[in-house]
Structures are given as structure tokens and as C-alpha cells.
Amino acid sequence: QPQGTSALVQRLRQRTLAQQPFPRMAPNACAEGACCSGKAGANGGFGSPLEAMKTGLREQILYTAVVLNQGRDGKGQAKGPDYLATVDVDPQSPTYSQVLHRLQMPTPGDELHHMGWNACSSCRDRPGAITHNYLVAPGLFSGNIHFIDVVTDPRIPQLHKTISAQELANKVGGGLPHTTHCAPTAILVSMMGSAPDSEGLLKPEGNGFVAIDPQSLEIMGRWEEGNEKPVSGNDFWYQPRHNVMVSSGFGDPECFTRCFNPAHVAEGKYSHELYIWDWSTHKLIQRLDCGEASIPLEVRFLHDPSKAEGYVTCALSGEIRRIFKRDDGTWDTTVAVQIPAVPVEGWALPQMPPLPTDLIISLDDRFLFVTNWLHGDVRMYDITVTSEPKLVGQVFIGGSLKKGGTVNRTDGVEQPEALAVKGVEIQGGAHMGQLSLDGKRLYITTSLFSSWDEQFYPGMIEKGNQMILLDVDIEAGGLTLNEDFLVDFGAEPFGPARGNEMRLPGGDCTSDIW
């Protein structure tokens, strides 16, 4: 039987009272200077977002999850296990924009997707905490959760431990592990649904959060408490100062893990809600409706921990919604940006949504970047006025609207040319992004996950995808393609592969929380 959440909460409280490593952080701990002092942490991390932006070293390598898996039932077709690639991003290096090392996972079929850390800047002053020494890499389809040592030799990471899908199912009754965030008392991993039942079916009822001990890397139990449960699971972000966690739901895993069927949206199989949690009690306290057929995905708060606001991408409605705290203490959401659908022919529907997926906010909270996986563009917004983002940069790097494909716009607007870098045509559309600490370089990959890759961009399965680099104008705003950088996963030794989420050693804009 899964361990009861009440027992987990009690254990965490006992740990706090006993002053054990990683004690529970009080809701106002940041206000008291516990995590935002601005001082260099002896065990890694940064004291504040601005400290990270101003004093962080230029990245020399990055890590990216690389997928060979082909669909939910496709591990038998994969040419090998998924792997973690170490990429040289130092322009002074003779191996610039090349893969330096490939760490294969133990078995095929993982579908590596999102990655996080065992401990980030929120844990830097905690006894026993050493930040950013293990990457946590869940296998979305396999249900395995891998812990990868990136400190012993940062250029040659090694697998440290794996929590098997069976253990995850037995202890917490969940599966489809997705997003990882380190917290002051535990590593939290969201689960998008249940483990497969006796007939191999996945159900949304198993969604939630597994808490993992940050030192032993053993499962502690489910994080959530109470009878109120989300309809489905996906991404999340927390902010201790405001005693809040916000999570999103994707939909019924029997639908989204196979392909996208518009009929499932009409049947209510996809999410339209955000979930507001009390950070201290682990209880769901509020639901926010983002509108029918919205599908909220990636949640990001502003980095300044005094700010009670953030954003979420809504894939199908094409919205970037602002999430904010009202004067009465409740939370709300409004549309900050509406990216219009495009009238087309030669596609599944007469209107093609942009499908905004990833969100990245610069560490000074000045710029927001969003990727549109179907339209194929990356957008940059000035969010000095958070309720009114201003578009200041846009680059098309592929997507379904590029010239030469099967899709034609019917509104007379010219379609972008197919993008090629170093003679290689970019496959897929902009999906995952990672911003350098100084905000000047934005790395982009183009794979969503294999089931949808195969449906919308079958050429990416055959040819692999690419990682590219956009140079960022942090003064006036603007994006420019860097013609000197390309990682072509179509030319990998294990066969054409697809790079997904990226992480920078020592923390980055989409992992660390203050």
C-alpha cells in the first residue's frame, strides 16, 4: 500500500523539530533572509537571482536529455536506451557545439523528458546540502527515475542510482514521472497518472507528487495531503515566501501518451485547470479555470521571491496567462498574451494553434521567452509591466508553417523559410529552451515527446532533431540566430535521436527557486 501522506508530513515535521538536514522551510523564511541573503553558499547555489545573473560563470557545458524511444509502446523499435548528452558550449573550445559524452540509461523505453536537481539554491544554506550534484532524470513512459552524478566528473556524468517504475508504483501508486524540483525538505517529482494497470492502461487518478529523501534518494511517500485531488498532473512551481505551489494538469494519459486527437478535447480528456496548493500543509486549496480547451502546461514564477506572480503557457488556446495573488490572499489568472491561431489548409484542422509549450524568465525578471511548437517560432517579451508583456523579439526556427511543407496559410501572410544551420535543416518546432545565467544566450531544442513528434513531425523521427543557439539583446530586446552553433542529433552514433530539456551545471533559470 502507498505510504500515507499524513505519515510523510509528520516525518517532515519531526525532522524539522530535530534540526536534521533539510528541515522544513517556514513560509516566511525568505523574508527572514534564510534563502535570499545574497551571500555565496559554501555548498553551491546562489543567494539571489541577481547574484546568479551577475556573478555566475559563463557556461562551458550543458546537459540535455536525448531520446531514442519511439512512442509509448515503442521501446522495441528504439535503437538503444535514451541517454544524457554532455555538450560543449564554450566558443573558445576546439570541440564547441559537439557532444562530449553520452551516458546511456540502463534499458530502452524511458522517454527522458524533463530533468531537475537533487538540491538547488533554495537548499544552499541547509545542513548537509550540496547543490546540483545529482541530475534527476525521470523516464516519462518507463516510470523509472534516474539520479545522475554530474559532480565527480562534470564532463563524464555517471549513473548513481535508479528508482524503478515498480518501486514507484508499489510505494505511492503513481507513474508517468514528469517535473522535478528540489525543495528544502525533499526532492519532489510530479506524476501525470497511475502506473499501468493489469491491462496496461494508464489512469489520471494516480497523479500527484512523490517526495524523495534528498540524501538517501529513497522514496518517502506522497507529498500531497487531504481529500482534494487534481483531475490530472503535469508541471509545477513553488514559492515558499508566499506559502504556495502551483501545478498544472495535462489530461488523460491514455490519450496524450499515444497521439493528439481533437475529439478528446471535446470529450473533456484534456485539462483546463491550474491547482493552488498550501505549501505548508500540502493541501489543494484552490482551482483556477483557464478556459475550456486551454491545456495549461509549463508554470514559472518570477524569480524575485517577494513577487507573488508568474505565468503559464496554455497549449491549445495559444495563451500565456499571468498567475497572481489577490489582496484577499486568493489566487487568480488572466490572459497576458494571446497568440492567434493561423488559418491553414493541408493540416488536421482549419485553424492551427501555435501550441506554446516552454516558458523561460530571465533572472532579473525583465524578459520572458516562449516557444511555439507548431508555428515553430521563439518569442521574447519585455515583462517590465507584468500584466502587459511587450513583444520585442521573434525567430522562426522550423515548425509546421515553414515553406516547402504540406501546410499552407490561407490568410495571405507569407510563411517563413525552412531554417538551416551549417547546411542542416532544422527539424520539428521550437519546444524546450534554456537561458544562460547572464541572459545573453538562449539554447533551443525541438522535440516535444516521441508520440507527438511522430504524429506532427515524422521527419524528425527519421532524421533526428537539432539544438541551436539564439543570441539575446538584453538591452533593447531581440533575438538573433547564432550561425556558429549547431548540435545535430541526426548524426549521433546510436542513430538519429531527439534532444529535449537542457540543464546548466550549477543551476539555471528554469530549475532554481529562491
Protein backbone atom coordinates (compact mmCIF):
# COMPACT_ATOMS: atom_id res chain seq x y z
CA GLN A 1 0.00 0.00 0.00
CA PRO A 2 1.25 3.52 -0.76
CA GLN A 3 2.58 5.27 2.30
CA GLY A 4 0.00 7.70 3.74
CA THR A 5 0.67 11.37 3.23
CA SER A 6 -0.15 12.14 6.85
CA ALA A 7 2.78 9.96 7.89
CA LEU A 8 5.06 11.78 5.46
CA VAL A 9 4.04 15.21 6.73
CA GLN A 10 4.63 14.03 10.29
CA ARG A 11 8.09 12.74 9.37
CA LEU A 12 8.99 16.06 7.80
CA ARG A 13 7.78 17.94 10.87
CA GLN A 14 9.77 15.64 13.14
CA ARG A 15 12.83 16.21 11.01
CA THR A 16 12.37 19.96 11.40
CA LEU A 17 11.99 19.76 15.17
CA ALA A 18 15.03 17.55 15.44
CA GLN A 19 17.11 20.00 13.36
CA GLN A 20 18.05 17.26 10.91
CA PRO A 21 19.50 18.15 7.50
CA PHE A 22 17.00 19.74 5.12
CA PRO A 23 14.50 20.99 7.75
CA ARG A 24 11.15 22.31 6.55
CA MET A 25 11.38 25.93 5.45
CA ALA A 26 8.83 28.22 7.09
CA PRO A 27 6.57 30.18 4.71
CA ASN A 28 8.31 33.44 5.62
CA ALA A 29 11.83 32.05 5.68
CA CYS A 30 12.91 34.08 2.66
CA ALA A 31 11.61 37.24 4.31
CA GLU A 32 13.91 36.45 7.22
CA GLY A 33 16.87 36.15 4.86
CA ALA A 34 17.20 32.36 5.03
CA CYS A 35 17.42 31.85 1.27
CA CYS A 36 17.94 35.30 -0.20
CA SER A 37 20.88 36.68 1.74
CA GLY A 38 22.99 37.24 -1.36
CA LYS A 39 25.98 35.52 0.21
CA ALA A 40 27.94 32.84 -1.59
CA GLY A 41 26.85 29.41 -0.47
CA ALA A 42 29.59 27.13 0.78
CA ASN A 43 27.77 24.15 -0.71
CA GLY A 44 26.89 25.71 -4.05
CA GLY A 45 23.96 27.70 -5.37
CA PHE A 46 23.42 31.44 -5.30
CA GLY A 47 21.98 33.71 -2.64
CA SER A 48 19.65 35.53 -5.02
CA PRO A 49 18.60 35.54 -8.68
CA LEU A 50 20.54 38.73 -9.35
CA GLU A 51 23.64 37.27 -7.74
CA ALA A 52 23.39 34.32 -10.10
CA MET A 53 22.94 36.64 -13.08
CA LYS A 54 25.82 38.97 -12.16
CA THR A 55 28.39 36.57 -10.72
CA GLY A 56 27.61 33.22 -12.32
CA LEU A 57 30.32 31.95 -14.65
CA ARG A 58 29.69 31.60 -18.37
CA GLU A 59 28.51 28.09 -19.15
CA GLN A 60 31.08 25.79 -20.73
CA ILE A 61 28.98 22.64 -20.97
CA LEU A 62 25.32 21.80 -20.78
CA TYR A 63 23.39 18.58 -20.33
CA THR A 64 20.46 17.50 -22.45
CA ALA A 65 18.15 14.51 -22.36
CA VAL A 66 18.36 12.65 -25.68
CA VAL A 67 15.58 10.29 -26.76
CA LEU A 68 15.77 7.20 -28.92
CA ASN A 69 12.46 5.85 -27.67
CA GLN A 70 9.63 5.79 -30.23
CA GLY A 71 6.23 6.22 -28.63
CA ARG A 72 4.62 4.78 -25.53
CA ASP A 73 4.95 1.21 -26.79
CA GLY A 74 8.00 1.85 -28.92
CA LYS A 75 10.94 0.68 -26.85
CA GLY A 76 11.22 -2.38 -29.05
CA GLN A 77 11.75 -0.09 -32.05
CA ALA A 78 14.37 2.05 -30.31
CA LYS A 79 17.96 1.64 -31.41
CA GLY A 80 19.05 1.73 -27.78
CA PRO A 81 18.38 3.39 -24.44
CA ASP A 82 17.82 7.12 -24.10
CA TYR A 83 20.87 9.00 -22.84
CA LEU A 84 22.22 12.15 -21.26
CA ALA A 85 24.43 14.12 -23.64
CA THR A 86 27.14 16.49 -22.41
CA VAL A 87 27.50 19.31 -24.95
CA ASP A 88 30.46 21.68 -25.28
CA VAL A 89 29.11 25.26 -25.32
CA ASP A 90 32.44 27.08 -24.84
CA PRO A 91 33.11 29.07 -28.05
CA GLN A 92 36.86 29.06 -27.28
CA SER A 93 36.94 25.25 -27.24
CA PRO A 94 38.04 23.21 -30.29
CA THR A 95 35.02 20.93 -29.66
CA TYR A 96 32.49 23.77 -29.48
CA SER A 97 28.90 22.64 -30.20
CA GLN A 98 29.89 18.96 -30.14
CA VAL A 99 28.67 16.16 -27.88
CA LEU A 100 31.49 15.29 -25.48
CA HIS A 101 29.92 12.33 -23.71
CA ARG A 102 26.82 10.12 -23.83
CA LEU A 103 25.53 8.37 -20.73
CA GLN A 104 23.06 5.67 -21.71
CA MET A 105 20.28 4.71 -19.32
CA PRO A 106 20.11 1.04 -18.24
CA THR A 107 17.27 -0.04 -20.56
CA PRO A 108 15.39 1.24 -23.63
CA GLY A 109 11.99 2.88 -23.40
CA ASP A 110 12.47 5.63 -20.81
CA GLU A 111 11.34 8.66 -22.84
CA LEU A 112 13.60 11.06 -20.94
CA HIS A 113 11.79 14.37 -20.86
CA HIS A 114 12.21 16.90 -18.02
CA MET A 115 15.12 16.93 -15.57
CA GLY A 116 15.80 18.60 -12.23
CA TRP A 117 18.25 18.65 -9.34
CA ASN A 118 18.63 16.89 -6.03
CA ALA A 119 19.17 20.31 -4.42
CA CYS A 120 19.15 23.85 -5.82
CA SER A 121 19.69 27.35 -4.47
CA SER A 122 16.69 27.02 -2.16
CA CYS A 123 18.69 24.44 -0.19
CA ARG A 124 22.12 26.08 -0.25
CA ASP A 125 22.27 27.03 3.44
CA ARG A 126 20.78 23.80 4.76
CA PRO A 127 22.93 21.39 6.81
CA GLY A 128 24.14 18.51 4.68
CA ALA A 129 23.01 20.07 1.39
CA ILE A 130 25.33 20.06 -1.60
CA THR A 131 23.52 21.65 -4.51
CA HIS A 132 23.43 20.48 -8.11
CA ASN A 133 25.42 17.29 -7.68
CA TYR A 134 22.75 14.89 -8.99
CA LEU A 135 20.58 15.43 -12.03
CA VAL A 136 17.19 13.79 -11.55
CA ALA A 137 16.01 12.35 -14.88
CA PRO A 138 12.59 10.66 -14.88
CA GLY A 139 11.54 8.36 -17.70
CA LEU A 140 8.10 9.59 -18.65
CA PHE A 141 6.97 6.34 -20.28
CA SER A 142 9.07 3.83 -18.35
CA GLY A 143 8.29 5.25 -14.91
CA ASN A 144 11.94 4.95 -13.83
CA ILE A 145 13.62 7.87 -12.03
CA HIS A 146 17.38 8.14 -12.60
CA PHE A 147 19.90 10.01 -10.45
CA ILE A 148 23.00 11.08 -12.37
CA ASP A 149 26.26 12.18 -10.72
CA VAL A 150 27.47 15.30 -12.53
CA VAL A 151 29.96 16.46 -9.87
CA THR A 152 32.60 13.71 -9.71
CA ASP A 153 33.44 14.46 -13.35
CA PRO A 154 31.09 17.05 -14.88
CA ARG A 155 32.14 16.15 -18.43
CA ILE A 156 31.64 12.43 -17.90
CA PRO A 157 28.47 12.01 -15.81
CA GLN A 158 27.77 8.63 -14.26
CA LEU A 159 24.55 6.93 -13.25
CA HIS A 160 24.35 6.89 -9.45
CA LYS A 161 21.00 5.23 -8.77
CA THR A 162 17.63 4.38 -10.32
CA ILE A 163 14.24 4.19 -8.62
CA SER A 164 12.36 1.63 -10.69
CA ALA A 165 8.85 2.09 -12.02
CA GLN A 166 7.79 -0.90 -9.94
CA GLU A 167 9.05 0.70 -6.73
CA LEU A 168 7.32 3.97 -7.61
CA ALA A 169 4.06 2.13 -8.24
CA ASN A 170 4.32 -0.01 -5.12
CA LYS A 171 5.15 2.82 -2.73
CA VAL A 172 2.97 5.68 -4.00
CA GLY A 173 0.69 4.18 -6.64
CA GLY A 174 1.87 6.55 -9.35
CA GLY A 175 3.57 6.60 -12.71
CA LEU A 176 4.50 8.88 -15.62
CA PRO A 177 7.05 10.93 -13.61
CA HIS A 178 7.43 14.35 -15.19
CA THR A 179 8.77 17.51 -13.49
CA THR A 180 11.42 17.56 -10.75
CA HIS A 181 12.06 20.36 -8.28
CA CYS A 182 14.26 20.28 -5.23
CA ALA A 183 12.63 21.63 -2.10
CA PRO A 184 14.09 22.38 1.33
CA THR A 185 12.88 19.06 2.75
CA ALA A 186 12.58 16.71 -0.21
CA ILE A 187 13.01 16.19 -3.92
CA LEU A 188 9.55 16.49 -5.47
CA VAL A 189 8.63 14.75 -8.73
CA SER A 190 5.23 15.24 -10.30
CA MET A 191 3.38 12.20 -11.62
CA MET A 192 0.98 12.57 -14.54
CA GLY A 193 -1.08 9.50 -13.73
CA SER A 194 -1.04 5.95 -12.48
CA ALA A 195 1.28 3.12 -13.30
CA PRO A 196 -0.15 0.74 -15.94
CA ASP A 197 -2.93 -1.47 -14.56
CA SER A 198 -3.31 -5.19 -15.24
CA GLU A 199 -4.50 -4.40 -18.77
CA GLY A 200 -1.70 -1.94 -19.42
CA LEU A 201 -3.95 1.13 -19.13
CA LEU A 202 -2.89 4.43 -17.59
CA LYS A 203 -5.33 6.43 -15.50
CA PRO A 204 -5.19 10.09 -14.45
CA GLU A 205 -6.25 9.28 -10.88
CA GLY A 206 -2.70 8.29 -9.91
CA ASN A 207 -1.37 11.82 -10.49
CA GLY A 208 0.29 13.76 -7.71
CA PHE A 209 3.77 14.21 -6.27
CA VAL A 210 6.31 11.76 -4.91
CA ALA A 211 8.65 13.01 -2.18
CA ILE A 212 12.19 11.63 -2.26
CA ASP A 213 14.73 11.98 0.54
CA PRO A 214 17.46 14.33 -0.77
CA GLN A 215 20.25 12.45 0.99
CA SER A 216 19.35 8.76 0.75
CA LEU A 217 17.42 9.23 -2.53
CA GLU A 218 14.77 6.87 -1.18
CA ILE A 219 11.04 7.37 -1.66
CA MET A 220 9.46 8.95 1.42
CA GLY A 221 5.84 8.86 0.25
CA ARG A 222 3.33 11.08 -1.46
CA TRP A 223 3.73 14.79 -0.84
CA GLU A 224 0.09 15.85 -1.17
CA GLU A 225 -2.31 15.76 1.78
CA GLY A 226 -6.10 15.88 2.08
CA ASN A 227 -9.03 14.62 0.05
CA GLU A 228 -9.00 17.26 -2.70
CA LYS A 229 -7.09 15.95 -5.73
CA PRO A 230 -6.27 17.36 -9.17
CA VAL A 231 -8.00 15.84 -12.17
CA SER A 232 -4.63 15.35 -13.90
CA GLY A 233 -0.97 16.13 -13.38
CA ASN A 234 1.87 17.82 -15.24
CA ASP A 235 4.18 20.69 -14.22
CA PHE A 236 4.60 22.72 -11.01
CA TRP A 237 6.46 25.59 -9.34
CA TYR A 238 6.55 26.67 -5.70
CA GLN A 239 7.34 29.87 -3.79
CA PRO A 240 7.97 29.42 -0.04
CA ARG A 241 7.69 33.10 0.87
CA HIS A 242 4.07 33.09 -0.29
CA ASN A 243 3.37 29.60 1.06
CA VAL A 244 2.19 28.40 -2.33
CA MET A 245 2.73 25.80 -5.01
CA VAL A 246 1.00 25.99 -8.39
CA SER A 247 0.62 22.90 -10.58
CA SER A 248 -0.92 22.21 -13.96
CA GLY A 249 -2.65 19.20 -15.47
CA PHE A 250 -2.25 17.81 -18.98
CA GLY A 251 -5.05 15.30 -19.40
CA ASP A 252 -5.96 11.64 -19.59
CA PRO A 253 -2.70 9.72 -20.11
CA GLU A 254 -4.45 7.12 -22.25
CA CYS A 255 -4.97 9.97 -24.72
CA PHE A 256 -1.88 12.19 -24.65
CA THR A 257 0.69 9.39 -24.41
CA ARG A 258 -0.38 7.98 -27.77
CA CYS A 259 -1.18 10.95 -30.02
CA PHE A 260 -3.29 14.08 -30.16
CA ASN A 261 -6.93 13.61 -31.18
CA PRO A 262 -9.01 16.83 -31.24
CA ALA A 263 -12.11 14.79 -30.39
CA HIS A 264 -10.59 14.05 -26.98
CA VAL A 265 -10.60 17.77 -26.20
CA ALA A 266 -14.34 17.96 -26.86
CA GLU A 267 -14.78 14.89 -24.64
CA GLY A 268 -13.06 16.64 -21.73
CA LYS A 269 -9.98 14.42 -21.82
CA TYR A 270 -7.58 17.39 -21.60
CA SER A 271 -7.10 19.79 -18.71
CA HIS A 272 -8.20 23.39 -18.35
CA GLU A 273 -7.24 23.96 -14.70
CA LEU A 274 -4.42 25.21 -12.51
CA TYR A 275 -4.14 23.94 -8.94
CA ILE A 276 -3.15 26.10 -5.97
CA TRP A 277 -1.55 24.29 -3.02
CA ASP A 278 -0.81 25.38 0.53
CA TRP A 279 2.96 24.82 0.70
CA SER A 280 2.98 24.12 4.45
CA THR A 281 0.04 21.74 4.71
CA HIS A 282 0.44 20.14 1.25
CA LYS A 283 -3.29 20.61 0.64
CA LEU A 284 -5.04 21.67 -2.55
CA ILE A 285 -6.86 24.90 -1.64
CA GLN A 286 -8.00 26.43 -4.94
CA ARG A 287 -8.63 25.63 -8.60
CA LEU A 288 -8.26 28.18 -11.39
CA ASP A 289 -10.14 27.65 -14.65
CA CYS A 290 -8.09 28.70 -17.68
CA GLY A 291 -10.97 28.11 -20.08
CA GLU A 292 -12.19 25.09 -21.97
CA ALA A 293 -9.68 23.53 -24.37
CA SER A 294 -6.80 25.53 -22.88
CA ILE A 295 -4.40 22.74 -21.72
CA PRO A 296 -2.15 24.63 -19.24
CA LEU A 297 1.41 23.31 -19.35
CA GLU A 298 4.58 24.97 -18.03
CA VAL A 299 4.38 27.03 -14.82
CA ARG A 300 7.04 29.65 -13.97
CA PHE A 301 7.08 32.18 -11.13
CA LEU A 302 9.06 35.38 -11.25
CA HIS A 303 12.47 34.77 -9.71
CA ASP A 304 12.23 37.60 -7.19
CA PRO A 305 10.82 35.72 -4.17
CA SER A 306 8.98 38.80 -2.96
CA LYS A 307 6.78 38.75 -6.07
CA ALA A 308 3.59 36.71 -5.88
CA GLU A 309 3.09 36.18 -9.58
CA GLY A 310 4.12 34.06 -12.52
CA TYR A 311 2.97 32.72 -15.88
CA VAL A 312 1.71 29.54 -17.52
CA THR A 313 1.56 28.51 -21.17
CA CYS A 314 -1.79 27.21 -22.43
CA ALA A 315 -1.03 24.98 -25.38
CA LEU A 316 -4.30 24.70 -27.25
CA SER A 317 -5.75 28.16 -26.57
CA GLY A 318 -2.45 29.84 -27.50
CA GLU A 319 -2.39 31.91 -24.32
CA ILE A 320 0.27 32.97 -21.88
CA ARG A 321 -1.65 33.52 -18.68
CA ARG A 322 -0.48 35.56 -15.73
CA ILE A 323 -0.92 33.94 -12.28
CA PHE A 324 -1.09 36.34 -9.34
CA LYS A 325 -2.11 36.70 -5.72
CA ARG A 326 -5.04 38.98 -4.90
CA ASP A 327 -5.21 41.34 -1.95
CA ASP A 328 -7.53 38.92 -0.13
CA GLY A 329 -4.93 36.14 -0.32
CA THR A 330 -6.62 34.11 -3.06
CA TRP A 331 -5.03 33.46 -6.44
CA ASP A 332 -6.25 34.35 -9.90
CA THR A 333 -5.23 34.13 -13.55
CA THR A 334 -5.80 36.36 -16.56
CA VAL A 335 -4.66 36.30 -20.18
CA ALA A 336 -1.42 38.27 -20.57
CA VAL A 337 -0.67 37.29 -24.20
CA GLN A 338 -2.93 35.80 -26.85
CA ILE A 339 -1.02 34.24 -29.74
CA PRO A 340 -3.57 33.77 -32.53
CA ALA A 341 -4.19 30.55 -34.39
CA VAL A 342 -3.46 30.62 -38.11
CA PRO A 343 -5.97 29.67 -40.84
CA VAL A 344 -4.45 26.85 -42.90
CA GLU A 345 -5.11 24.10 -45.38
CA GLY A 346 -3.33 20.77 -45.58
CA TRP A 347 -3.46 20.25 -41.82
CA ALA A 348 -5.68 18.34 -39.38
CA LEU A 349 -7.81 21.40 -38.55
CA PRO A 350 -8.70 24.60 -40.43
CA GLN A 351 -7.03 26.64 -37.68
CA MET A 352 -3.52 25.80 -36.45
CA PRO A 353 -2.84 26.82 -32.83
CA PRO A 354 0.68 28.00 -32.01
CA LEU A 355 0.96 25.40 -29.21
CA PRO A 356 3.09 27.43 -26.78
CA THR A 357 4.97 24.99 -24.58
CA ASP A 358 8.07 26.13 -22.70
CA LEU A 359 8.46 29.35 -20.69
CA ILE A 360 11.76 30.88 -19.57
CA ILE A 361 12.09 34.04 -17.46
CA SER A 362 15.42 35.87 -17.23
CA LEU A 363 16.88 36.03 -13.74
CA ASP A 364 16.25 39.78 -13.49
CA ASP A 365 12.55 39.17 -14.32
CA ARG A 366 12.76 41.55 -17.27
CA PHE A 367 12.25 39.18 -20.20
CA LEU A 368 10.02 36.19 -20.85
CA PHE A 369 10.69 33.71 -23.66
CA VAL A 370 8.11 31.30 -25.07
CA THR A 371 8.39 28.51 -27.64
CA ASN A 372 5.57 27.73 -30.08
CA TRP A 373 5.95 24.12 -31.14
CA LEU A 374 3.51 24.05 -34.05
CA HIS A 375 4.08 27.52 -35.50
CA GLY A 376 7.79 26.97 -34.90
CA ASP A 377 8.82 30.37 -33.52
CA VAL A 378 10.52 31.59 -30.36
CA ARG A 379 9.18 34.84 -28.90
CA MET A 380 10.75 37.28 -26.48
CA TYR A 381 8.62 39.59 -24.35
CA ASP A 382 9.54 42.52 -22.15
CA ILE A 383 7.63 41.94 -18.89
CA THR A 384 8.63 45.12 -17.09
CA VAL A 385 4.88 45.59 -16.82
CA THR A 386 3.96 42.04 -15.91
CA SER A 387 0.30 42.36 -16.87
CA GLU A 388 1.18 43.70 -20.33
CA PRO A 389 4.07 41.77 -21.92
CA LYS A 390 5.53 43.54 -24.96
CA LEU A 391 6.85 41.52 -27.90
CA VAL A 392 10.47 42.57 -28.56
CA GLY A 393 11.91 39.59 -30.46
CA GLN A 394 10.85 36.67 -32.65
CA VAL A 395 12.70 34.00 -34.65
CA PHE A 396 11.22 31.11 -36.67
CA ILE A 397 13.36 28.01 -36.40
CA GLY A 398 11.18 25.42 -38.10
CA GLY A 399 7.65 24.34 -37.35
CA SER A 400 4.65 23.33 -39.42
CA LEU A 401 4.29 26.72 -41.11
CA LYS A 402 7.63 26.73 -42.91
CA LYS A 403 7.70 26.87 -46.69
CA GLY A 404 8.05 23.65 -48.63
CA GLY A 405 5.81 21.59 -46.36
CA THR A 406 2.26 20.35 -46.74
CA VAL A 407 0.65 23.24 -44.82
CA ASN A 408 -0.36 26.49 -46.48
CA ARG A 409 -1.65 29.63 -44.80
CA THR A 410 -4.95 30.83 -46.22
CA ASP A 411 -4.79 34.39 -44.89
CA GLY A 412 -2.18 35.63 -47.38
CA VAL A 413 0.59 36.04 -44.80
CA GLU A 414 3.98 34.89 -46.06
CA GLN A 415 5.30 31.71 -44.46
CA PRO A 416 8.85 31.52 -43.09
CA GLU A 417 11.63 29.81 -44.97
CA ALA A 418 12.90 26.48 -43.67
CA LEU A 419 15.82 27.18 -41.36
CA ALA A 420 19.19 25.59 -42.00
CA VAL A 421 22.28 25.96 -39.83
CA LYS A 422 25.65 24.75 -41.11
CA GLY A 423 23.82 23.10 -44.00
CA VAL A 424 21.45 21.11 -41.74
CA GLU A 425 17.71 21.80 -41.96
CA ILE A 426 16.14 22.17 -38.51
CA GLN A 427 13.52 19.51 -37.84
CA GLY A 428 10.42 19.99 -35.69
CA GLY A 429 9.38 23.21 -33.98
CA ALA A 430 10.77 25.17 -31.04
CA HIS A 431 9.98 23.34 -27.81
CA MET A 432 12.47 23.41 -24.92
CA GLY A 433 14.62 26.41 -24.07
CA GLN A 434 17.43 27.16 -21.63
CA LEU A 435 18.75 30.63 -20.95
CA SER A 436 22.28 31.41 -19.80
CA LEU A 437 22.58 32.95 -16.35
CA ASP A 438 23.54 36.34 -17.82
CA GLY A 439 20.51 36.20 -20.13
CA LYS A 440 22.53 36.57 -23.33
CA ARG A 441 22.22 33.08 -24.87
CA LEU A 442 19.07 31.03 -25.41
CA TYR A 443 19.52 27.34 -26.32
CA ILE A 444 16.60 25.67 -28.13
CA THR A 445 15.65 22.08 -28.94
CA THR A 446 12.68 20.94 -31.00
CA SER A 447 11.31 17.61 -29.72
CA LEU A 448 8.13 17.52 -27.58
CA PHE A 449 7.90 13.78 -26.92
CA SER A 450 8.05 10.86 -29.29
CA SER A 451 4.32 10.12 -29.69
CA TRP A 452 3.58 13.68 -30.79
CA ASP A 453 6.88 14.04 -32.66
CA GLU A 454 5.91 11.10 -34.85
CA GLN A 455 2.41 12.47 -35.43
CA PHE A 456 3.28 16.09 -36.26
CA TYR A 457 6.90 15.87 -37.44
CA PRO A 458 7.54 12.34 -38.74
CA GLY A 459 10.71 13.54 -40.44
CA MET A 460 12.20 14.24 -37.02
CA ILE A 461 11.95 10.55 -36.11
CA GLU A 462 13.81 9.64 -39.28
CA LYS A 463 16.34 12.47 -39.31
CA GLY A 464 16.72 13.39 -35.64
CA ASN A 465 16.47 16.91 -34.30
CA GLN A 466 18.89 19.73 -33.51
CA MET A 467 19.95 22.12 -30.79
CA ILE A 468 20.50 25.71 -31.87
CA LEU A 469 21.54 28.94 -30.15
CA LEU A 470 19.88 32.35 -30.23
CA ASP A 471 21.84 35.41 -29.14
CA VAL A 472 19.77 37.72 -26.93
CA ASP A 473 19.88 41.51 -26.89
CA ILE A 474 19.44 42.20 -23.17
CA GLU A 475 19.40 45.98 -23.64
CA ALA A 476 16.71 46.69 -26.24
CA GLY A 477 15.38 43.15 -26.63
CA GLY A 478 15.73 40.96 -29.69
CA LEU A 479 16.79 37.50 -30.85
CA THR A 480 19.40 36.61 -33.48
CA LEU A 481 20.35 33.16 -34.76
CA ASN A 482 23.92 32.19 -33.93
CA GLU A 483 25.20 30.65 -37.16
CA ASP A 484 28.25 29.10 -35.47
CA PHE A 485 26.39 26.77 -33.12
CA LEU A 486 24.61 23.54 -34.05
CA VAL A 487 24.26 20.16 -32.39
CA ASP A 488 22.82 17.72 -34.93
CA PHE A 489 21.29 14.75 -33.12
CA GLY A 490 20.56 13.26 -36.53
CA ALA A 491 24.24 12.36 -36.77
CA GLU A 492 24.56 10.55 -33.44
CA PRO A 493 26.44 7.23 -33.18
CA PHE A 494 23.31 5.36 -31.96
CA GLY A 495 21.28 6.65 -34.88
CA PRO A 496 19.02 9.70 -35.33
CA ALA A 497 17.91 10.92 -31.90
CA ARG A 498 15.98 13.83 -30.37
CA GLY A 499 17.35 16.24 -27.78
CA ASN A 500 14.87 17.59 -25.26
CA GLU A 501 15.31 19.51 -21.97
CA MET A 502 18.65 21.14 -21.17
CA ARG A 503 20.31 21.87 -17.83
CA LEU A 504 23.32 24.04 -16.96
CA PRO A 505 25.76 22.78 -14.30
CA GLY A 506 25.25 24.71 -11.08
CA GLY A 507 21.66 25.68 -11.80
CA ASP A 508 19.71 27.73 -14.31
CA CYS A 509 16.65 29.87 -14.99
CA THR A 510 14.13 27.02 -15.03
CA SER A 511 15.37 24.95 -12.10
CA ASP A 512 16.48 27.14 -9.20
CA ILE A 513 13.98 28.68 -6.78
CA TRP A 514 14.75 31.34 -4.20
